[in-house]
Amino acid sequence: MIYGAVISEHYRRPRNQGALESPDAVHEGFNPLCGDRLRMEVKIEGGRIAAARFRGDACMVAIAAASLLTDFVRGLSIAEAAAFPREQLLAALEAPLRPSRLGCATLPLEVLRAALRERL
C-alpha cells in the first residue's frame, strides 16, 4: 500500500461521491501540477451544511481527501466549514505525503472554500 489504509479505503469506496440535486453552492477546481479536477456541491439548510458531495477526475489522494472532507463538514455552519483546518484534513489521511502530493490532498478543501465564499 503506497499511501496507507485510510487513503486506500476512501479511494476504493469514496463517501459522498456524485451530484446533489439543486445544490446551493458549487465550485470546480483544478490542480495544474498533476491534472486533478474536482467539483464540490453543497446543500445548505438553516445556515449549516446539510450535505456535501464531490465528483471529478482526480488521483487517489485527492479522492480520499474529498471523501473525508465531505463527511467532516456535514452539520457545520458555513463559516466553520469554510475555516475547516487544513492540518485536520491532512492528519485524517493518516499517511505521510510528499510535498508534491500536498496540493492533491488540499484541493478538495480549496474547492469547498471557493464554493462557500459567496455564502459567507
Protein backbone atom coordinates (compact mmCIF):
# COMPACT_ATOMS: atom_id res chain seq x y z
CA MET A 1 0.00 0.00 0.00
CA ILE A 2 1.58 3.24 -1.13
CA TYR A 3 -0.48 5.65 0.96
CA GLY A 4 -1.90 3.59 3.81
CA ALA A 5 -5.24 2.14 4.79
CA VAL A 6 -7.31 5.32 5.10
CA ILE A 7 -6.42 6.68 1.66
CA SER A 8 -6.83 3.26 0.06
CA GLU A 9 -10.24 2.70 1.66
CA HIS A 10 -11.62 6.14 0.75
CA TYR A 11 -10.28 5.83 -2.79
CA ARG A 12 -11.81 2.39 -3.33
CA ARG A 13 -15.08 3.25 -1.61
CA PRO A 14 -15.43 7.05 -1.60
CA ARG A 15 -18.17 8.55 0.53
CA ASN A 16 -20.46 11.25 -0.85
CA GLN A 17 -19.32 10.91 -4.45
CA GLY A 18 -21.71 12.15 -7.10
CA ALA A 19 -24.03 15.08 -7.69
CA LEU A 20 -26.54 16.78 -5.43
CA GLU A 21 -29.98 17.70 -6.66
CA SER A 22 -30.26 21.52 -6.59
CA PRO A 23 -27.03 22.35 -4.71
CA ASP A 24 -26.81 25.75 -3.00
CA ALA A 25 -23.08 26.19 -3.59
CA VAL A 26 -20.91 24.72 -6.34
CA HIS A 27 -17.33 25.16 -7.43
CA GLU A 28 -14.90 23.26 -9.61
CA GLY A 29 -11.16 23.40 -9.16
CA PHE A 30 -8.12 22.16 -10.99
CA ASN A 31 -4.59 21.33 -9.86
CA PRO A 32 -2.36 22.21 -12.82
CA LEU A 33 0.61 20.37 -11.29
CA CYS A 34 -0.98 16.94 -11.52
CA GLY A 35 -4.14 17.41 -13.56
CA ASP A 36 -6.66 16.69 -10.79
CA ARG A 37 -10.08 18.23 -11.45
CA LEU A 38 -12.66 18.24 -8.67
CA ARG A 39 -16.18 19.65 -8.27
CA MET A 40 -17.76 20.18 -4.86
CA GLU A 41 -21.51 20.64 -4.39
CA VAL A 42 -23.07 21.71 -1.10
CA LYS A 43 -26.64 21.78 0.20
CA ILE A 44 -27.24 24.36 2.93
CA GLU A 45 -30.18 24.29 5.35
CA GLY A 46 -30.57 26.70 8.24
CA GLY A 47 -27.07 28.10 7.73
CA ARG A 48 -25.48 24.66 8.08
CA ILE A 49 -24.04 22.15 5.65
CA ALA A 50 -26.80 19.58 5.17
CA ALA A 51 -24.89 17.62 2.52
CA ALA A 52 -21.66 17.86 0.57
CA ARG A 53 -20.78 15.75 -2.46
CA PHE A 54 -17.93 15.69 -4.92
CA ARG A 55 -17.05 14.34 -8.32
CA GLY A 56 -14.20 14.65 -10.72
CA ASP A 57 -11.17 13.10 -12.29
CA ALA A 58 -8.52 13.05 -9.61
CA CYS A 59 -5.77 10.96 -8.06
CA MET A 60 -6.05 8.60 -5.13
CA VAL A 61 -5.03 11.25 -2.56
CA ALA A 62 -7.48 13.90 -3.81
CA ILE A 63 -10.39 11.43 -3.94
CA ALA A 64 -9.67 10.20 -0.41
CA ALA A 65 -9.36 13.77 0.92
CA ALA A 66 -12.65 14.78 -0.75
CA SER A 67 -14.37 11.72 0.69
CA LEU A 68 -13.18 12.52 4.20
CA LEU A 69 -13.87 16.24 3.91
CA THR A 70 -17.47 15.81 2.79
CA ASP A 71 -18.12 13.76 5.93
CA PHE A 72 -16.29 16.22 8.21
CA VAL A 73 -18.22 19.32 7.13
CA ARG A 74 -21.74 17.89 7.37
CA GLY A 75 -23.54 19.71 10.17
CA LEU A 76 -21.03 22.57 10.39
CA SER A 77 -22.02 26.18 9.87
CA ILE A 78 -20.94 27.75 6.60
CA ALA A 79 -18.22 29.72 8.41
CA GLU A 80 -16.98 26.62 10.27
CA ALA A 81 -16.83 24.61 7.05
CA ALA A 82 -15.01 27.41 5.22
CA ALA A 83 -12.48 27.56 8.05
CA PHE A 84 -12.02 23.78 8.32
CA PRO A 85 -8.37 23.28 9.31
CA ARG A 86 -6.07 22.06 6.56
CA GLU A 87 -3.99 20.27 9.19
CA GLN A 88 -7.02 18.30 10.40
CA LEU A 89 -7.74 17.07 6.88
CA LEU A 90 -4.09 16.12 6.31
CA ALA A 91 -3.93 14.31 9.68
CA ALA A 92 -7.12 12.36 8.86
CA LEU A 93 -5.42 10.85 5.81
CA GLU A 94 -3.07 9.07 8.25
CA ALA A 95 -0.19 8.94 5.77
CA PRO A 96 2.94 10.97 5.21
CA LEU A 97 2.66 12.82 1.91
CA ARG A 98 5.46 14.07 -0.28
CA PRO A 99 5.39 17.83 -0.81
CA SER A 100 4.28 17.22 -4.40
CA ARG A 101 1.14 15.47 -3.08
CA LEU A 102 0.06 18.15 -0.59
CA GLY A 103 -1.73 20.05 -3.35
CA CYS A 104 -3.69 16.90 -4.18
CA ALA A 105 -4.75 16.48 -0.56
CA THR A 106 -5.79 20.12 -0.12
CA LEU A 107 -7.55 20.59 -3.48
CA PRO A 108 -10.95 19.47 -2.07
CA LEU A 109 -10.65 22.00 0.77
CA GLU A 110 -9.71 24.82 -1.61
CA VAL A 111 -12.66 23.96 -3.86
CA LEU A 112 -15.06 23.76 -0.91
CA ARG A 113 -13.88 27.14 0.40
CA ALA A 114 -14.38 28.69 -3.04
CA ALA A 115 -17.90 27.25 -3.22
CA LEU A 116 -18.76 28.68 0.20
CA ARG A 117 -17.14 32.11 -0.30
CA GLU A 118 -20.24 33.62 -1.88
CA ARG A 119 -22.37 32.29 1.00
CA LEU A 120 -20.38 33.92 3.81
